[in-house]
Amino acid sequence: MPRMSENNLSVAANGTSTNRLSGLLHEFLDRPGVVTVMAACAAVGLNATVLIGGQAVMNDQAVSQANRFPIYPDDVMTVEQGLGRLVLTFRNTTGAAIIVHWAIDVDYTG
């Protein structure tokens, strides 16, 4: 099962990150797959958005404040089936930078 992840991403105060999957190996799903999105951040106030194939499957939802690399199943935000381009962005709603850790697993057998 392929995994894409990032540790210690800093999202600027009142800012939105770029697509964190841009340029990664499984940014584009060339066949249907099950996508598991996990995230945890260091403070309250960070939201995540996920698009699969241009369809929003999770829009501006609060991220766990566990302050560690996400673990399964505790930090799962959504599990979706899809095909096409994956987009993952984070939006900081506070006046200070927030650190986020995230991972996405893609299961092509499901």
Protein backbone atom coordinates (compact mmCIF):
# COMPACT_ATOMS: atom_id res chain seq x y z
CA MET A 1 0.00 0.00 0.00
CA PRO A 2 1.64 3.28 -1.09
CA ARG A 3 2.00 6.03 1.50
CA MET A 4 2.60 9.74 1.08
CA SER A 5 3.43 11.73 4.21
CA GLU A 6 5.04 14.84 5.62
CA ASN A 7 6.31 15.62 9.09
CA ASN A 8 6.54 19.09 10.67
CA LEU A 9 4.80 21.17 7.99
CA SER A 10 4.40 24.74 9.27
CA VAL A 11 1.21 26.47 8.12
CA ALA A 12 1.55 30.25 8.40
CA ALA A 13 -0.80 32.36 10.51
CA ASN A 14 -4.11 32.94 8.71
CA GLY A 15 -2.67 31.12 5.69
CA THR A 16 -3.45 28.15 3.48
CA SER A 17 -0.86 25.62 2.35
CA THR A 18 -0.25 24.63 -1.23
CA ASN A 19 -1.36 21.20 -2.44
CA ARG A 20 0.84 18.98 -0.28
CA LEU A 21 0.57 16.10 -2.76
CA SER A 22 1.85 18.10 -5.72
CA GLY A 23 4.67 16.18 -7.40
CA LEU A 24 4.36 13.08 -5.22
CA LEU A 25 4.26 9.61 -6.75
CA HIS A 26 0.55 8.93 -6.20
CA GLU A 27 -0.82 12.46 -6.67
CA PHE A 28 -2.76 11.11 -9.65
CA LEU A 29 -4.72 7.88 -9.11
CA ASP A 30 -4.60 6.11 -12.48
CA ARG A 31 -7.08 3.46 -11.31
CA PRO A 32 -9.74 3.39 -8.57
CA GLY A 33 -8.33 3.24 -5.06
CA VAL A 34 -9.27 3.68 -1.42
CA VAL A 35 -7.65 6.78 0.08
CA THR A 36 -7.13 7.04 3.86
CA VAL A 37 -6.29 10.54 5.10
CA MET A 38 -4.71 10.99 8.54
CA ALA A 39 -3.46 14.18 10.20
CA ALA A 40 -2.51 15.60 13.59
CA CYS A 41 -1.34 19.10 14.47
CA ALA A 42 0.27 20.92 17.38
CA ALA A 43 -2.54 23.35 18.27
CA VAL A 44 -6.20 24.18 17.83
CA GLY A 45 -7.15 26.07 14.69
CA LEU A 46 -5.98 24.01 11.72
CA ASN A 47 -8.47 22.73 9.11
CA ALA A 48 -7.95 20.34 6.19
CA THR A 49 -9.53 19.99 2.75
CA VAL A 50 -9.27 16.93 0.49
CA LEU A 51 -10.30 16.70 -3.17
CA ILE A 52 -10.29 13.49 -5.21
CA GLY A 53 -10.76 13.82 -8.94
CA GLY A 54 -11.97 17.42 -8.51
CA GLN A 55 -14.65 16.39 -6.01
CA ALA A 56 -14.44 17.70 -2.44
CA VAL A 57 -14.62 14.71 -0.09
CA MET A 58 -13.60 16.70 2.99
CA ASN A 59 -13.98 20.48 3.18
CA ASP A 60 -12.29 22.63 5.84
CA GLN A 61 -12.56 20.11 8.70
CA ALA A 62 -10.74 20.45 12.03
CA VAL A 63 -7.51 18.46 12.46
CA SER A 64 -6.73 16.48 15.63
CA GLN A 65 -4.46 18.28 18.10
CA ALA A 66 -2.53 15.13 19.08
CA ASN A 67 0.84 16.84 18.34
CA ARG A 68 2.52 13.73 16.91
CA PHE A 69 2.76 11.86 13.64
CA PRO A 70 -0.74 10.49 12.88
CA ILE A 71 -1.51 6.90 13.79
CA TYR A 72 -4.19 4.56 12.48
CA PRO A 73 -7.06 4.54 13.41
CA ASP A 74 -6.88 7.38 15.97
CA ASP A 75 -6.10 10.20 13.52
CA VAL A 76 -8.05 9.06 10.45
CA MET A 77 -9.97 12.03 9.05
CA THR A 78 -11.66 10.28 6.12
CA VAL A 79 -11.58 7.10 4.02
CA GLU A 80 -12.79 7.57 0.44
CA GLN A 81 -12.82 5.77 -2.89
CA GLY A 82 -11.75 7.71 -5.92
CA LEU A 83 -9.94 8.17 -9.18
CA GLY A 84 -8.00 11.15 -10.54
CA ARG A 85 -5.95 13.89 -8.89
CA LEU A 86 -5.59 14.10 -5.11
CA VAL A 87 -5.41 17.52 -3.48
CA LEU A 88 -4.66 18.09 0.23
CA THR A 89 -4.50 21.58 1.74
CA PHE A 90 -4.41 22.94 5.28
CA ARG A 91 -5.87 26.27 6.46
CA ASN A 92 -4.70 27.99 9.62
CA THR A 93 -7.48 29.96 11.32
CA THR A 94 -5.27 31.48 14.04
CA GLY A 95 -2.77 34.31 14.39
CA ALA A 96 0.26 32.03 14.85
CA ALA A 97 1.93 29.34 12.73
CA ILE A 98 0.83 25.74 13.43
CA ILE A 99 2.80 22.54 12.79
CA VAL A 100 0.95 19.64 11.15
CA HIS A 101 1.93 16.03 10.47
CA TRP A 102 -0.03 14.09 7.83
CA ALA A 103 -0.11 10.78 5.97
CA ILE A 104 -2.19 9.41 3.12
CA ASP A 105 -2.41 5.70 2.31
CA VAL A 106 -3.66 4.56 -1.10
CA ASP A 107 -5.04 1.02 -1.42
CA TYR A 108 -5.53 -0.05 -5.03
CA THR A 109 -6.80 -3.50 -4.04
CA GLY A 110 -9.93 -2.25 -2.21
